[in-house]
Amino acid sequence: MRHDNDLKHSTKKWSLQSPDLTPIENLWEILNYYRDKSSHIKNEEELWEDCQSTWSKITGDICRKLVEFMAARSHQAEGIP
């Protein structure tokens, strides 16, 4: 870490841009977990069906927990208790 007071070297700025604080990155990880990895997609229709099936497994509770987690992580990065 450089100590020249340049904001681009700030830990706080870096941490707020961290993938850990990007909700879509966490959502992709969750979607990948729920995806049926045994299916071998052969065409666009099968891809669409696989996407719909996977998205249907994402419940309101999962979304709520993801939002709560992101809020807690962003407060940690900002130093808010």
Protein backbone atom coordinates (compact mmCIF):
# COMPACT_ATOMS: atom_id res chain seq x y z
CA MET A 1 0.00 0.00 0.00
CA ARG A 2 1.33 3.41 -0.89
CA HIS A 3 1.24 6.23 1.64
CA ASP A 4 1.09 9.31 -0.58
CA ASN A 5 -2.48 10.40 0.37
CA ASP A 6 -3.70 9.69 -3.17
CA LEU A 7 -7.31 8.47 -2.93
CA LYS A 8 -6.74 5.83 -5.58
CA HIS A 9 -4.44 4.11 -3.08
CA SER A 10 -6.95 4.29 -0.25
CA THR A 11 -7.90 1.03 1.44
CA LYS A 12 -11.42 2.37 2.02
CA LYS A 13 -11.94 3.15 -1.67
CA TRP A 14 -10.60 -0.27 -2.65
CA SER A 15 -12.74 -2.11 -0.13
CA LEU A 16 -15.94 -0.39 -1.27
CA GLN A 17 -15.25 -1.58 -4.81
CA SER A 18 -14.41 -5.12 -3.70
CA PRO A 19 -16.28 -7.99 -5.38
CA ASP A 20 -17.33 -9.00 -1.86
CA LEU A 21 -19.49 -5.87 -1.81
CA THR A 22 -21.01 -6.32 -5.26
CA PRO A 23 -24.42 -8.02 -4.90
CA ILE A 24 -24.45 -9.38 -8.45
CA GLU A 25 -21.23 -11.33 -7.85
CA ASN A 26 -22.80 -13.04 -4.86
CA LEU A 27 -26.00 -13.68 -6.81
CA TRP A 28 -24.03 -15.33 -9.65
CA GLU A 29 -22.39 -17.58 -7.09
CA ILE A 30 -25.78 -18.55 -5.65
CA LEU A 31 -27.20 -19.19 -9.13
CA ASN A 32 -24.22 -21.37 -9.98
CA TYR A 33 -24.82 -23.35 -6.78
CA TYR A 34 -28.48 -24.01 -7.70
CA ARG A 35 -27.84 -24.78 -11.35
CA ASP A 36 -28.26 -28.41 -12.41
CA LYS A 37 -24.72 -29.23 -13.42
CA SER A 38 -25.69 -32.70 -14.62
CA SER A 39 -27.71 -31.27 -17.51
CA HIS A 40 -25.93 -31.04 -20.83
CA ILE A 41 -27.41 -28.10 -22.68
CA LYS A 42 -27.59 -28.76 -26.39
CA ASN A 43 -29.49 -25.78 -27.74
CA GLU A 44 -30.91 -22.36 -26.96
CA GLU A 45 -34.25 -23.76 -25.78
CA GLU A 46 -32.55 -26.03 -23.23
CA LEU A 47 -30.41 -23.11 -22.08
CA TRP A 48 -33.53 -20.99 -21.57
CA GLU A 49 -35.25 -23.79 -19.63
CA ASP A 50 -32.16 -24.27 -17.46
CA CYS A 51 -32.01 -20.53 -16.73
CA GLN A 52 -35.69 -20.39 -15.81
CA SER A 53 -35.41 -23.47 -13.61
CA THR A 54 -32.37 -22.07 -11.80
CA TRP A 55 -33.89 -18.60 -11.30
CA SER A 56 -37.07 -20.16 -9.91
CA LYS A 57 -34.99 -21.56 -7.03
CA ILE A 58 -34.02 -18.05 -5.89
CA THR A 59 -36.55 -17.27 -3.18
CA GLY A 60 -37.48 -13.96 -1.61
CA ASP A 61 -35.70 -15.14 1.53
CA ILE A 62 -32.44 -15.64 -0.39
CA CYS A 63 -32.73 -12.12 -1.86
CA ARG A 64 -33.49 -10.62 1.56
CA LYS A 65 -30.47 -12.34 3.11
CA LEU A 66 -28.27 -11.18 0.24
CA VAL A 67 -29.37 -7.57 0.73
CA GLU A 68 -28.84 -7.81 4.50
CA PHE A 69 -25.40 -9.32 3.99
CA MET A 70 -24.42 -6.59 1.53
CA ALA A 71 -25.58 -3.86 3.93
CA ALA A 72 -23.57 -5.38 6.78
CA ARG A 73 -20.45 -5.77 4.61
CA SER A 74 -20.65 -2.22 3.29
CA HIS A 75 -20.96 -0.90 6.85
CA GLN A 76 -17.89 -2.94 7.82
CA ALA A 77 -15.94 -1.48 4.90
CA GLU A 78 -16.98 2.03 5.90
CA GLY A 79 -16.09 1.39 9.54
CA ILE A 80 -19.70 1.69 10.75
CA PRO A 81 -20.50 -0.62 13.70
